[in-house]
Amino acid sequence: MVPIAESGASSRWTGILAANAAAFLFGSIALFGKLPLSPVWIVAVRAVFAVLVLALLARLLRNPLVPPTAMLGRIAASGALLAGHWVLFFVSVQLASVAVATLTIASFPLFTIVIEAFWQRRRPRLGELAAGLAIVLAIFLLVGEGAAIDGDAIWGVLAGLAAAATFAVFALASQAMARRIDTVRLSLTQYAAAAAVLMPLLPFAGAPPTGSDWLWLAILGVAGTAVVHQLYLFSLRRLPASVCGAIVSVEPIYAVLLAAALFGEPVGPAIAVSAALVIGATLVLLRR
């Protein structure tokens, strides 16, 4: 009986380490918005590198690359939605800050609850409403912080909220499709669709990447996209989804601290209180 217990404990600890690594990588993604590039370029190149990595992984696993024809349209549509989500997120980083972008995007569980309640024709529960009010208060604090710093930051907050809403729809759609297709093939097709949607816009998206930009975008596409999602899925196979979600919910903390250390972004009282409100509300919604 002892080896079984040790094996179970080992599996849990590897899951916890994987979830924390995923949270750190998720938090670092916003930093790439500091590159002197249009969000369209950042997202398009990111998606291409992620496709290459997942195509290689699918080959190693001997998985088919192309999804069933009946699902292709829905997966492609979700990939286009993902492209919009990513672009809006990096727009938020560039207009406001890493802290504002990550904290507003962390409100996506609220949008998920609202959408699910609408689809299921039920009223939100009291705990869900309380968590929603906490997130709304956090957003008001961020708007006030943005207005005090720069008028563009308010548009950054709005872009972050739009990114959170699109991600909520994307996540719900992906959850339904993941029951019928393996996650590697699903993500591969979604990333390919995201790249295909943005490619025609590149000639109008400003200067292309040069020099070290390509290296940073490769890191974003490989580590910040393909690898981080596989780490999260790895943790989900070893821990309850609520535990994984709780660990990853601290992503904004990593983002805020990294931005402060690397770019000198200020961490004022409004940011600190907003972070506490958003993370606390996210934990409540994840438990629900």
Protein backbone atom coordinates (compact mmCIF):
# COMPACT_ATOMS: atom_id res chain seq x y z
CA MET A 1 0.00 0.00 0.00
CA VAL A 2 2.89 2.41 0.67
CA PRO A 3 4.12 2.62 -2.95
CA ILE A 4 0.60 3.48 -4.09
CA ALA A 5 0.34 6.32 -1.59
CA GLU A 6 3.76 7.62 -2.61
CA SER A 7 2.84 7.37 -6.26
CA GLY A 8 -0.36 9.32 -5.66
CA ALA A 9 1.48 11.98 -3.67
CA SER A 10 4.14 12.21 -6.36
CA SER A 11 1.46 12.62 -9.02
CA ARG A 12 -0.19 15.42 -7.04
CA TRP A 13 3.09 17.26 -6.51
CA THR A 14 4.03 17.05 -10.19
CA GLY A 15 0.55 18.39 -10.99
CA ILE A 16 1.03 21.28 -8.55
CA LEU A 17 4.44 22.10 -10.02
CA ALA A 18 3.03 22.00 -13.54
CA ALA A 19 0.12 24.28 -12.59
CA ASN A 20 2.46 26.79 -10.94
CA ALA A 21 4.76 26.73 -13.97
CA ALA A 22 1.72 27.35 -16.17
CA ALA A 23 0.62 30.27 -13.96
CA PHE A 24 4.10 31.83 -14.20
CA LEU A 25 4.19 31.42 -17.99
CA PHE A 26 0.65 32.77 -18.34
CA GLY A 27 1.69 35.78 -16.27
CA SER A 28 4.74 36.41 -18.44
CA ILE A 29 2.74 36.49 -21.69
CA ALA A 30 1.64 40.09 -21.19
CA LEU A 31 5.28 41.21 -21.14
CA PHE A 32 5.54 40.44 -24.86
CA GLY A 33 3.09 43.27 -25.47
CA LYS A 34 6.01 45.58 -24.73
CA LEU A 35 7.63 44.61 -28.03
CA PRO A 36 7.64 47.54 -30.52
CA LEU A 37 5.21 45.71 -32.78
CA SER A 38 1.53 45.83 -33.66
CA PRO A 39 -0.58 43.31 -31.71
CA VAL A 40 -1.57 41.83 -35.07
CA TRP A 41 2.05 40.95 -35.83
CA ILE A 42 2.61 39.60 -32.32
CA VAL A 43 -0.43 37.32 -32.44
CA ALA A 44 0.03 36.13 -36.04
CA VAL A 45 3.66 35.09 -35.53
CA ARG A 46 2.83 33.62 -32.12
CA ALA A 47 0.17 31.44 -33.68
CA VAL A 48 2.50 30.24 -36.45
CA PHE A 49 5.18 29.13 -34.00
CA ALA A 50 2.57 27.40 -31.83
CA VAL A 51 1.22 25.55 -34.88
CA LEU A 52 4.71 24.29 -35.76
CA VAL A 53 5.30 22.99 -32.22
CA LEU A 54 1.92 21.26 -31.96
CA ALA A 55 2.25 19.76 -35.44
CA LEU A 56 5.55 18.21 -34.35
CA LEU A 57 3.95 16.98 -31.11
CA ALA A 58 1.03 15.46 -33.01
CA ARG A 59 3.47 13.62 -35.26
CA LEU A 60 5.41 12.29 -32.29
CA LEU A 61 2.16 11.08 -30.71
CA ARG A 62 1.07 9.70 -34.09
CA ASN A 63 -2.13 11.72 -33.88
CA PRO A 64 -3.92 12.92 -37.02
CA LEU A 65 -3.43 16.60 -37.81
CA VAL A 66 -6.79 17.40 -39.40
CA PRO A 67 -10.00 17.38 -37.32
CA PRO A 68 -13.21 15.71 -38.53
CA THR A 69 -14.76 17.58 -41.45
CA ALA A 70 -18.02 18.05 -39.54
CA MET A 71 -16.19 20.00 -36.80
CA LEU A 72 -13.82 21.98 -39.00
CA GLY A 73 -16.06 25.04 -39.39
CA ARG A 74 -16.75 25.36 -35.66
CA ILE A 75 -13.09 24.91 -34.74
CA ALA A 76 -12.03 27.49 -37.32
CA ALA A 77 -14.60 29.95 -35.95
CA SER A 78 -13.28 29.43 -32.42
CA GLY A 79 -9.75 30.03 -33.75
CA ALA A 80 -10.86 33.35 -35.24
CA LEU A 81 -12.36 34.24 -31.86
CA LEU A 82 -9.06 33.32 -30.20
CA ALA A 83 -7.21 35.64 -32.60
CA GLY A 84 -9.51 38.50 -31.59
CA HIS A 85 -9.00 37.71 -27.91
CA TRP A 86 -5.20 37.73 -28.23
CA VAL A 87 -5.15 40.96 -30.25
CA LEU A 88 -7.41 42.74 -27.75
CA PHE A 89 -5.25 41.55 -24.88
CA PHE A 90 -2.05 42.98 -26.36
CA VAL A 91 -3.90 46.18 -27.29
CA SER A 92 -4.79 46.48 -23.60
CA VAL A 93 -1.13 46.00 -22.61
CA GLN A 94 0.05 48.68 -25.05
CA LEU A 95 -2.66 51.23 -24.23
CA ALA A 96 -2.68 50.74 -20.47
CA SER A 97 -0.18 48.45 -18.74
CA VAL A 98 0.62 44.83 -17.99
CA ALA A 99 -1.20 45.11 -14.66
CA VAL A 100 -4.40 46.55 -16.17
CA ALA A 101 -4.43 44.02 -19.02
CA THR A 102 -3.92 40.95 -16.82
CA LEU A 103 -6.37 42.07 -14.15
CA THR A 104 -9.13 42.86 -16.64
CA ILE A 105 -8.60 39.59 -18.51
CA ALA A 106 -8.79 37.77 -15.16
CA SER A 107 -12.45 38.81 -15.00
CA PHE A 108 -13.36 36.22 -17.65
CA PRO A 109 -14.96 33.82 -15.09
CA LEU A 110 -17.63 36.49 -14.52
CA PHE A 111 -18.45 36.57 -18.24
CA THR A 112 -18.48 32.76 -18.23
CA ILE A 113 -21.03 32.70 -15.40
CA VAL A 114 -23.24 35.27 -17.14
CA ILE A 115 -23.15 33.38 -20.46
CA GLU A 116 -23.84 30.02 -18.82
CA ALA A 117 -26.72 31.49 -16.80
CA PHE A 118 -28.21 32.93 -20.01
CA TRP A 119 -27.86 29.64 -21.90
CA GLN A 120 -29.27 27.61 -18.99
CA ARG A 121 -32.01 30.20 -18.35
CA ARG A 122 -31.24 30.47 -14.66
CA ARG A 123 -30.56 33.35 -12.31
CA PRO A 124 -27.00 33.82 -11.03
CA ARG A 125 -26.50 32.62 -7.47
CA LEU A 126 -25.83 34.98 -4.58
CA GLY A 127 -22.14 34.06 -4.40
CA GLU A 128 -21.77 34.62 -8.13
CA LEU A 129 -23.39 38.04 -7.86
CA ALA A 130 -21.12 39.00 -4.95
CA ALA A 131 -18.04 37.91 -6.90
CA GLY A 132 -19.31 39.84 -9.92
CA LEU A 133 -19.71 43.01 -7.84
CA ALA A 134 -16.15 42.60 -6.54
CA ILE A 135 -14.84 42.36 -10.11
CA VAL A 136 -16.88 45.40 -11.18
CA LEU A 137 -15.42 47.37 -8.24
CA ALA A 138 -11.93 46.27 -9.28
CA ILE A 139 -12.57 47.47 -12.82
CA PHE A 140 -13.75 50.88 -11.53
CA LEU A 141 -10.52 51.17 -9.56
CA LEU A 142 -8.49 50.33 -12.66
CA VAL A 143 -10.40 52.90 -14.72
CA GLY A 144 -9.71 55.53 -12.07
CA GLU A 145 -6.04 54.57 -12.01
CA GLY A 146 -5.93 54.75 -15.81
CA ALA A 147 -7.62 58.16 -15.92
CA ALA A 148 -5.10 59.48 -13.43
CA ILE A 149 -2.17 58.22 -15.53
CA ASP A 150 -3.23 58.49 -19.17
CA GLY A 151 -6.53 58.76 -21.03
CA ASP A 152 -5.49 55.91 -23.34
CA ALA A 153 -5.41 53.61 -20.33
CA ILE A 154 -9.21 53.74 -20.12
CA TRP A 155 -9.37 52.33 -23.65
CA GLY A 156 -6.88 49.74 -22.44
CA VAL A 157 -9.30 48.71 -19.70
CA LEU A 158 -12.13 48.41 -22.24
CA ALA A 159 -9.93 46.35 -24.57
CA GLY A 160 -9.05 44.07 -21.63
CA LEU A 161 -12.72 43.57 -20.79
CA ALA A 162 -13.48 42.77 -24.43
CA ALA A 163 -10.61 40.26 -24.37
CA ALA A 164 -12.08 38.66 -21.23
CA ALA A 165 -15.53 38.38 -22.83
CA THR A 166 -14.19 36.83 -26.04
CA PHE A 167 -12.09 34.38 -24.03
CA ALA A 168 -15.14 33.30 -22.02
CA VAL A 169 -17.00 32.45 -25.25
CA PHE A 170 -13.90 30.76 -26.68
CA ALA A 171 -13.41 28.66 -23.52
CA LEU A 172 -17.02 27.48 -23.45
CA ALA A 173 -16.92 26.56 -27.14
CA SER A 174 -13.58 24.77 -26.75
CA GLN A 175 -14.81 22.86 -23.72
CA ALA A 176 -17.69 21.45 -25.73
CA MET A 177 -15.47 20.51 -28.69
CA ALA A 178 -12.75 18.99 -26.47
CA ARG A 179 -15.20 16.24 -25.53
CA ARG A 180 -15.13 15.02 -29.14
CA ILE A 181 -11.52 15.62 -30.25
CA ASP A 182 -8.07 15.40 -28.66
CA THR A 183 -6.74 18.68 -27.30
CA VAL A 184 -3.55 18.74 -29.39
CA ARG A 185 -5.46 18.54 -32.66
CA LEU A 186 -8.07 21.02 -31.41
CA SER A 187 -5.46 23.60 -30.36
CA LEU A 188 -3.44 23.05 -33.52
CA THR A 189 -6.45 23.80 -35.73
CA GLN A 190 -7.47 26.81 -33.62
CA TYR A 191 -3.98 28.32 -33.80
CA ALA A 192 -3.84 27.70 -37.56
CA ALA A 193 -7.20 29.45 -37.98
CA ALA A 194 -6.00 32.37 -35.84
CA ALA A 195 -2.91 32.77 -38.02
CA ALA A 196 -4.96 32.48 -41.23
CA VAL A 197 -7.39 35.19 -40.09
CA LEU A 198 -4.60 37.65 -39.28
CA MET A 199 -2.25 37.01 -42.21
CA PRO A 200 -4.18 39.27 -44.66
CA LEU A 201 -3.97 42.13 -42.12
CA LEU A 202 -0.16 42.06 -41.76
CA PRO A 203 0.59 44.44 -44.68
CA PHE A 204 -1.51 47.07 -42.89
CA ALA A 205 -0.22 46.35 -39.36
CA GLY A 206 2.92 48.45 -39.32
CA ALA A 207 6.56 47.43 -39.44
CA PRO A 208 7.31 43.68 -39.35
CA PRO A 209 9.52 42.05 -36.70
CA THR A 210 13.26 42.52 -37.06
CA GLY A 211 16.32 41.04 -35.41
CA SER A 212 15.69 39.83 -31.86
CA ASP A 213 11.93 40.36 -32.25
CA TRP A 214 11.75 36.99 -34.00
CA LEU A 215 13.47 35.28 -31.08
CA TRP A 216 11.05 36.76 -28.54
CA LEU A 217 8.05 35.85 -30.70
CA ALA A 218 9.37 32.31 -31.05
CA ILE A 219 9.61 32.07 -27.25
CA LEU A 220 6.06 33.41 -26.97
CA GLY A 221 4.74 30.92 -29.52
CA VAL A 222 6.57 27.91 -28.09
CA ALA A 223 6.76 28.46 -24.32
CA GLY A 224 3.97 31.02 -23.90
CA THR A 225 1.43 29.21 -26.05
CA ALA A 226 2.06 25.56 -26.96
CA VAL A 227 4.03 24.50 -23.86
CA VAL A 228 1.98 26.41 -21.28
CA HIS A 229 -1.29 24.88 -22.47
CA GLN A 230 0.19 21.38 -22.34
CA LEU A 231 1.46 22.07 -18.80
CA TYR A 232 -2.01 23.13 -17.74
CA LEU A 233 -3.57 20.03 -19.32
CA PHE A 234 -0.89 17.91 -17.59
CA SER A 235 -1.89 19.40 -14.23
CA LEU A 236 -5.59 18.85 -14.96
CA ARG A 237 -4.94 15.12 -15.34
CA ARG A 238 -3.45 15.01 -11.82
CA LEU A 239 -5.47 17.57 -9.86
CA PRO A 240 -9.12 18.67 -9.64
CA ALA A 241 -10.00 21.45 -12.08
CA SER A 242 -10.85 23.77 -9.18
CA VAL A 243 -7.36 23.34 -7.70
CA CYS A 244 -5.69 24.00 -11.05
CA GLY A 245 -7.88 27.05 -11.57
CA ALA A 246 -7.07 28.38 -8.11
CA ILE A 247 -3.32 28.07 -8.75
CA VAL A 248 -3.51 29.69 -12.19
CA SER A 249 -5.71 32.50 -10.84
CA VAL A 250 -2.60 34.09 -9.29
CA GLU A 251 -1.30 34.74 -12.83
CA PRO A 252 -1.89 38.53 -12.48
CA ILE A 253 0.43 38.61 -9.47
CA TYR A 254 3.27 37.13 -11.51
CA ALA A 255 2.51 39.58 -14.34
CA VAL A 256 2.43 42.64 -12.07
CA LEU A 257 5.65 41.69 -10.28
CA LEU A 258 7.49 40.90 -13.53
CA ALA A 259 6.34 44.18 -15.13
CA ALA A 260 7.45 46.12 -12.05
CA ALA A 261 10.85 44.42 -11.99
CA LEU A 262 11.59 44.52 -15.73
CA PHE A 263 9.83 47.69 -16.91
CA GLY A 264 9.40 49.71 -13.75
CA GLU A 265 5.60 49.73 -13.95
CA PRO A 266 4.18 51.25 -10.75
CA VAL A 267 2.20 49.07 -8.36
CA GLY A 268 -0.05 51.59 -6.63
CA PRO A 269 -2.82 50.98 -4.07
CA ALA A 270 -5.48 50.75 -6.81
CA ILE A 271 -3.57 47.95 -8.54
CA ALA A 272 -3.01 46.07 -5.28
CA VAL A 273 -6.67 46.31 -4.20
CA SER A 274 -7.90 45.41 -7.68
CA ALA A 275 -5.63 42.35 -7.73
CA ALA A 276 -6.98 41.18 -4.36
CA LEU A 277 -10.60 41.71 -5.47
CA VAL A 278 -10.18 39.98 -8.84
CA ILE A 279 -8.27 36.98 -7.51
CA GLY A 280 -10.65 36.54 -4.58
CA ALA A 281 -13.69 36.77 -6.84
CA THR A 282 -12.11 34.35 -9.32
CA LEU A 283 -11.56 31.80 -6.55
CA VAL A 284 -15.21 32.12 -5.50
CA LEU A 285 -16.43 31.63 -9.08
CA LEU A 286 -14.08 28.68 -9.63
CA ARG A 287 -15.40 27.01 -6.49
CA ARG A 288 -18.95 27.53 -7.71
